Amino acid sequence: MKKRSQIKLDVSKMDKAGLLKLFETEWQDHFQTRSQTWRALEIAALLTVAIVGIQWKATHPLVGVISSVLLIGVSLFGMQITFRHRNSVEVTKFSVITEIEKHLNFEASGLGIPKPISVIDIIRFWKANTSLFLLRMQGIILLLGIVMLVFSIINTISQGPATQP
């Protein structure tokens, strides 16, 4: 994995009020990022429920194919968002936060810079953190979408060409 350069922040030239405001902003950005990542999973889960219902009631076999492809796409985008937030945004935010903590002589919070995660970490179940949980849930939805797509294609093929009335 290609390592991105860390943002270096020279906090020595900032006053305490500016540092505290930056500290607050970095934490707010982190929480907003985390909220977006959870929202991506929520959307994928709701879409899964909707697509299962649509496929249950649909009369045309292509509905299943199209809806399954949509679910696969949403899940892949959710995984991409989670990877980006963890491997780039969180690393940057926590680098800045820990630098400010040091400069302000805050009592050690024990906060560390998150280690980047890879696709293979999703199946390393002894590793656990929020990002991996989100990726695993998105992965389950992705697998469900693939299974639904396969069954929808089989159903479409088995019904043969559509006949005109």
C-alpha atoms as a PDB file:
ATOM      1  CA  MET A   1       0.000   0.000   0.000  1.00  0.00           C
ATOM      2  CA  LYS A   2       1.365   3.379  -0.980  1.00  0.00           C
ATOM      3  CA  LYS A   3       1.978   5.540   2.056  1.00  0.00           C
ATOM      4  CA  ARG A   4       0.630   9.068   1.923  1.00  0.00           C
ATOM      5  CA  SER A   5       2.625  11.927   3.315  1.00  0.00           C
ATOM      6  CA  GLN A   6       1.519  13.155   6.702  1.00  0.00           C
ATOM      7  CA  ILE A   7       0.439  16.749   7.128  1.00  0.00           C
ATOM      8  CA  LYS A   8       2.966  18.548   9.255  1.00  0.00           C
ATOM      9  CA  LEU A   9       1.470  21.262  11.377  1.00  0.00           C
ATOM     10  CA  ASP A  10       3.659  23.873  13.035  1.00  0.00           C
ATOM     11  CA  VAL A  11       1.609  24.610  16.129  1.00  0.00           C
ATOM     12  CA  SER A  12       4.420  26.555  17.791  1.00  0.00           C
ATOM     13  CA  LYS A  13       3.354  29.688  15.896  1.00  0.00           C
ATOM     14  CA  MET A  14      -0.267  29.504  17.065  1.00  0.00           C
ATOM     15  CA  ASP A  15      -1.698  31.018  20.222  1.00  0.00           C
ATOM     16  CA  LYS A  16      -3.605  28.927  22.768  1.00  0.00           C
ATOM     17  CA  ALA A  17      -7.051  30.153  21.637  1.00  0.00           C
ATOM     18  CA  GLY A  18      -6.260  29.265  18.030  1.00  0.00           C
ATOM     19  CA  LEU A  19      -4.992  25.844  19.051  1.00  0.00           C
ATOM     20  CA  LEU A  20      -8.089  25.149  21.120  1.00  0.00           C
ATOM     21  CA  LYS A  21     -10.340  26.171  18.220  1.00  0.00           C
ATOM     22  CA  LEU A  22      -8.361  23.958  15.818  1.00  0.00           C
ATOM     23  CA  PHE A  23      -8.525  21.122  18.349  1.00  0.00           C
ATOM     24  CA  GLU A  24     -12.306  21.469  18.583  1.00  0.00           C
ATOM     25  CA  THR A  25     -12.668  21.657  14.796  1.00  0.00           C
ATOM     26  CA  GLU A  26     -10.550  18.552  14.218  1.00  0.00           C
ATOM     27  CA  TRP A  27     -12.680  16.549  16.661  1.00  0.00           C
ATOM     28  CA  GLN A  28     -15.900  17.831  15.063  1.00  0.00           C
ATOM     29  CA  ASP A  29     -14.559  16.843  11.630  1.00  0.00           C
ATOM     30  CA  HIS A  30     -13.696  13.389  12.956  1.00  0.00           C
ATOM     31  CA  PHE A  31     -17.212  12.896  14.344  1.00  0.00           C
ATOM     32  CA  GLN A  32     -18.751  14.166  11.088  1.00  0.00           C
ATOM     33  CA  THR A  33     -16.593  11.728   9.109  1.00  0.00           C
ATOM     34  CA  ARG A  34     -17.601   8.853  11.371  1.00  0.00           C
ATOM     35  CA  SER A  35     -21.252   9.850  10.993  1.00  0.00           C
ATOM     36  CA  GLN A  36     -20.928   9.765   7.191  1.00  0.00           C
ATOM     37  CA  THR A  37     -19.352   6.305   7.329  1.00  0.00           C
ATOM     38  CA  TRP A  38     -22.188   4.959   9.487  1.00  0.00           C
ATOM     39  CA  ARG A  39     -24.717   6.642   7.184  1.00  0.00           C
ATOM     40  CA  ALA A  40     -23.256   4.757   4.198  1.00  0.00           C
ATOM     41  CA  LEU A  41     -23.832   1.463   6.025  1.00  0.00           C
ATOM     42  CA  GLU A  42     -27.337   2.537   7.013  1.00  0.00           C
ATOM     43  CA  ILE A  43     -28.205   3.341   3.385  1.00  0.00           C
ATOM     44  CA  ALA A  44     -26.827  -0.009   2.194  1.00  0.00           C
ATOM     45  CA  ALA A  45     -28.800  -1.882   4.863  1.00  0.00           C
ATOM     46  CA  LEU A  46     -32.049  -0.060   4.055  1.00  0.00           C
ATOM     47  CA  LEU A  47     -31.502  -0.640   0.353  1.00  0.00           C
ATOM     48  CA  THR A  48     -30.958  -4.339   1.054  1.00  0.00           C
ATOM     49  CA  VAL A  49     -34.303  -4.591   2.826  1.00  0.00           C
ATOM     50  CA  ALA A  50     -36.020  -2.654   0.027  1.00  0.00           C
ATOM     51  CA  ILE A  51     -34.472  -4.795  -2.705  1.00  0.00           C
ATOM     52  CA  VAL A  52     -35.426  -8.041  -0.984  1.00  0.00           C
ATOM     53  CA  GLY A  53     -38.998  -6.730  -0.845  1.00  0.00           C
ATOM     54  CA  ILE A  54     -38.911  -5.594  -4.472  1.00  0.00           C
ATOM     55  CA  GLN A  55     -37.583  -8.944  -5.645  1.00  0.00           C
ATOM     56  CA  TRP A  56     -40.205 -10.751  -3.581  1.00  0.00           C
ATOM     57  CA  LYS A  57     -43.028  -8.862  -5.321  1.00  0.00           C
ATOM     58  CA  ALA A  58     -41.501  -8.270  -8.777  1.00  0.00           C
ATOM     59  CA  THR A  59     -43.026 -10.017 -11.746  1.00  0.00           C
ATOM     60  CA  HIS A  60     -40.326  -9.180 -14.278  1.00  0.00           C
ATOM     61  CA  PRO A  61     -37.072 -11.132 -13.791  1.00  0.00           C
ATOM     62  CA  LEU A  62     -34.850  -8.212 -14.845  1.00  0.00           C
ATOM     63  CA  VAL A  63     -35.972  -6.262 -11.773  1.00  0.00           C
ATOM     64  CA  GLY A  64     -33.874  -8.615  -9.653  1.00  0.00           C
ATOM     65  CA  VAL A  65     -30.822  -8.223 -11.877  1.00  0.00           C
ATOM     66  CA  ILE A  66     -30.993  -4.428 -11.916  1.00  0.00           C
ATOM     67  CA  SER A  67     -31.704  -4.091  -8.197  1.00  0.00           C
ATOM     68  CA  SER A  68     -28.901  -6.520  -7.291  1.00  0.00           C
ATOM     69  CA  VAL A  69     -26.407  -4.549  -9.379  1.00  0.00           C
ATOM     70  CA  LEU A  70     -27.552  -1.386  -7.583  1.00  0.00           C
ATOM     71  CA  LEU A  71     -27.018  -3.050  -4.204  1.00  0.00           C
ATOM     72  CA  ILE A  72     -23.541  -4.252  -5.194  1.00  0.00           C
ATOM     73  CA  GLY A  73     -22.623  -0.729  -6.322  1.00  0.00           C
ATOM     74  CA  VAL A  74     -23.893   0.930  -3.148  1.00  0.00           C
ATOM     75  CA  SER A  75     -22.027  -1.579  -0.999  1.00  0.00           C
ATOM     76  CA  LEU A  76     -18.771  -1.086  -2.920  1.00  0.00           C
ATOM     77  CA  PHE A  77     -19.093   2.694  -2.592  1.00  0.00           C
ATOM     78  CA  GLY A  78     -19.758   2.291   1.147  1.00  0.00           C
ATOM     79  CA  MET A  79     -16.590   0.230   1.474  1.00  0.00           C
ATOM     80  CA  GLN A  80     -14.644   2.833  -0.498  1.00  0.00           C
ATOM     81  CA  ILE A  81     -15.891   5.594   1.816  1.00  0.00           C
ATOM     82  CA  THR A  82     -14.886   3.578   4.895  1.00  0.00           C
ATOM     83  CA  PHE A  83     -11.395   2.885   3.549  1.00  0.00           C
ATOM     84  CA  ARG A  84     -10.884   6.545   2.608  1.00  0.00           C
ATOM     85  CA  HIS A  85     -12.102   7.810   5.954  1.00  0.00           C
ATOM     86  CA  ARG A  86      -9.923   5.390   7.917  1.00  0.00           C
ATOM     87  CA  ASN A  87      -6.744   5.424   5.856  1.00  0.00           C
ATOM     88  CA  SER A  88      -6.629   9.102   5.026  1.00  0.00           C
ATOM     89  CA  VAL A  89      -9.010  11.341   6.942  1.00  0.00           C
ATOM     90  CA  GLU A  90      -8.695   9.717  10.392  1.00  0.00           C
ATOM     91  CA  VAL A  91      -4.924   9.443  10.120  1.00  0.00           C
ATOM     92  CA  THR A  92      -4.673  13.133   9.244  1.00  0.00           C
ATOM     93  CA  LYS A  93      -7.136  14.260  11.924  1.00  0.00           C
ATOM     94  CA  PHE A  94      -5.502  12.244  14.699  1.00  0.00           C
ATOM     95  CA  SER A  95      -2.034  13.426  13.656  1.00  0.00           C
ATOM     96  CA  VAL A  96      -3.167  17.025  14.107  1.00  0.00           C
ATOM     97  CA  ILE A  97      -5.048  16.289  17.350  1.00  0.00           C
ATOM     98  CA  THR A  98      -2.086  14.529  18.987  1.00  0.00           C
ATOM     99  CA  GLU A  99       0.262  17.340  17.910  1.00  0.00           C
ATOM    100  CA  ILE A 100      -2.036  19.933  19.506  1.00  0.00           C
ATOM    101  CA  GLU A 101      -2.342  17.818  22.681  1.00  0.00           C
ATOM    102  CA  LYS A 102       1.451  17.721  23.003  1.00  0.00           C
ATOM    103  CA  HIS A 103       1.807  21.452  22.449  1.00  0.00           C
ATOM    104  CA  LEU A 104      -0.918  22.322  24.977  1.00  0.00           C
ATOM    105  CA  ASN A 105       0.559  19.871  27.501  1.00  0.00           C
ATOM    106  CA  PHE A 106      -2.713  18.005  27.802  1.00  0.00           C
ATOM    107  CA  GLU A 107      -2.586  14.950  29.966  1.00  0.00           C
ATOM    108  CA  ALA A 108      -1.828  11.978  27.761  1.00  0.00           C
ATOM    109  CA  SER A 109      -5.100  10.781  26.273  1.00  0.00           C
ATOM    110  CA  GLY A 110      -3.583   7.582  24.973  1.00  0.00           C
ATOM    111  CA  LEU A 111      -4.822   8.522  21.534  1.00  0.00           C
ATOM    112  CA  GLY A 112      -2.751   6.962  18.810  1.00  0.00           C
ATOM    113  CA  ILE A 113      -2.595   7.472  15.084  1.00  0.00           C
ATOM    114  CA  PRO A 114      -4.840   4.825  13.482  1.00  0.00           C
ATOM    115  CA  LYS A 115      -3.015   2.227  11.443  1.00  0.00           C
ATOM    116  CA  PRO A 116      -4.193   1.943   7.838  1.00  0.00           C
ATOM    117  CA  ILE A 117      -6.336  -1.066   7.048  1.00  0.00           C
ATOM    118  CA  SER A 118      -6.393  -3.207   3.936  1.00  0.00           C
ATOM    119  CA  VAL A 119      -8.920  -5.458   2.245  1.00  0.00           C
ATOM    120  CA  ILE A 120      -7.315  -8.544   3.820  1.00  0.00           C
ATOM    121  CA  ASP A 121      -7.900  -7.054   7.297  1.00  0.00           C
ATOM    122  CA  ILE A 122     -11.636  -7.567   6.745  1.00  0.00           C
ATOM    123  CA  ILE A 123     -11.187 -11.339   7.150  1.00  0.00           C
ATOM    124  CA  ARG A 124      -8.629 -11.085   9.961  1.00  0.00           C
ATOM    125  CA  PHE A 125     -11.268 -11.447  12.643  1.00  0.00           C
ATOM    126  CA  TRP A 126      -8.795 -11.075  15.509  1.00  0.00           C
ATOM    127  CA  LYS A 127      -8.419  -7.446  14.423  1.00  0.00           C
ATOM    128  CA  ALA A 128     -11.280  -5.294  15.608  1.00  0.00           C
ATOM    129  CA  ASN A 129     -12.145  -1.640  15.317  1.00  0.00           C
ATOM    130  CA  THR A 130     -15.107   0.392  14.123  1.00  0.00           C
ATOM    131  CA  SER A 131     -13.855   0.726  10.553  1.00  0.00           C
ATOM    132  CA  LEU A 132     -13.367  -3.024  10.242  1.00  0.00           C
ATOM    133  CA  PHE A 133     -16.845  -3.636  11.644  1.00  0.00           C
ATOM    134  CA  LEU A 134     -18.316  -1.273   9.045  1.00  0.00           C
ATOM    135  CA  LEU A 135     -16.308  -2.925   6.265  1.00  0.00           C
ATOM    136  CA  ARG A 136     -17.418  -6.382   7.373  1.00  0.00           C
ATOM    137  CA  MET A 137     -21.072  -5.347   7.366  1.00  0.00           C
ATOM    138  CA  GLN A 138     -20.685  -3.749   3.921  1.00  0.00           C
ATOM    139  CA  GLY A 139     -18.936  -6.952   2.800  1.00  0.00           C
ATOM    140  CA  ILE A 140     -21.864  -9.068   3.974  1.00  0.00           C
ATOM    141  CA  ILE A 141     -24.242  -6.807   2.055  1.00  0.00           C
ATOM    142  CA  LEU A 142     -21.950  -7.063  -0.989  1.00  0.00           C
ATOM    143  CA  LEU A 143     -21.977 -10.864  -0.803  1.00  0.00           C
ATOM    144  CA  LEU A 144     -25.761 -10.852  -0.446  1.00  0.00           C
ATOM    145  CA  GLY A 145     -26.008  -8.615  -3.513  1.00  0.00           C
ATOM    146  CA  ILE A 146     -23.801 -11.005  -5.497  1.00  0.00           C
ATOM    147  CA  VAL A 147     -25.876 -14.021  -4.432  1.00  0.00           C
ATOM    148  CA  MET A 148     -29.076 -12.161  -5.327  1.00  0.00           C
ATOM    149  CA  LEU A 149     -27.594 -11.236  -8.711  1.00  0.00           C
ATOM    150  CA  VAL A 150     -26.652 -14.844  -9.482  1.00  0.00           C
ATOM    151  CA  PHE A 151     -30.133 -16.093  -8.577  1.00  0.00           C
ATOM    152  CA  SER A 152     -31.746 -13.256 -10.541  1.00  0.00           C
ATOM    153  CA  ILE A 153     -29.702 -14.121 -13.635  1.00  0.00           C
ATOM    154  CA  ILE A 154     -30.597 -17.806 -13.279  1.00  0.00           C
ATOM    155  CA  ASN A 155     -34.260 -16.842 -12.884  1.00  0.00           C
ATOM    156  CA  THR A 156     -34.101 -14.574 -15.939  1.00  0.00           C
ATOM    157  CA  ILE A 157     -32.492 -17.297 -18.070  1.00  0.00           C
ATOM    158  CA  SER A 158     -34.883 -19.997 -16.873  1.00  0.00           C
ATOM    159  CA  GLN A 159     -37.915 -17.913 -17.844  1.00  0.00           C
ATOM    160  CA  GLY A 160     -36.658 -17.702 -21.420  1.00  0.00           C
ATOM    161  CA  PRO A 161     -37.301 -14.881 -23.861  1.00  0.00           C
ATOM    162  CA  ALA A 162     -40.258 -12.673 -23.155  1.00  0.00           C
ATOM    163  CA  THR A 163     -43.237 -13.312 -25.364  1.00  0.00           C
ATOM    164  CA  GLN A 164     -45.349 -10.553 -26.825  1.00  0.00           C
ATOM    165  CA  PRO A 165     -49.120 -10.837 -26.214  1.00  0.00           C
END
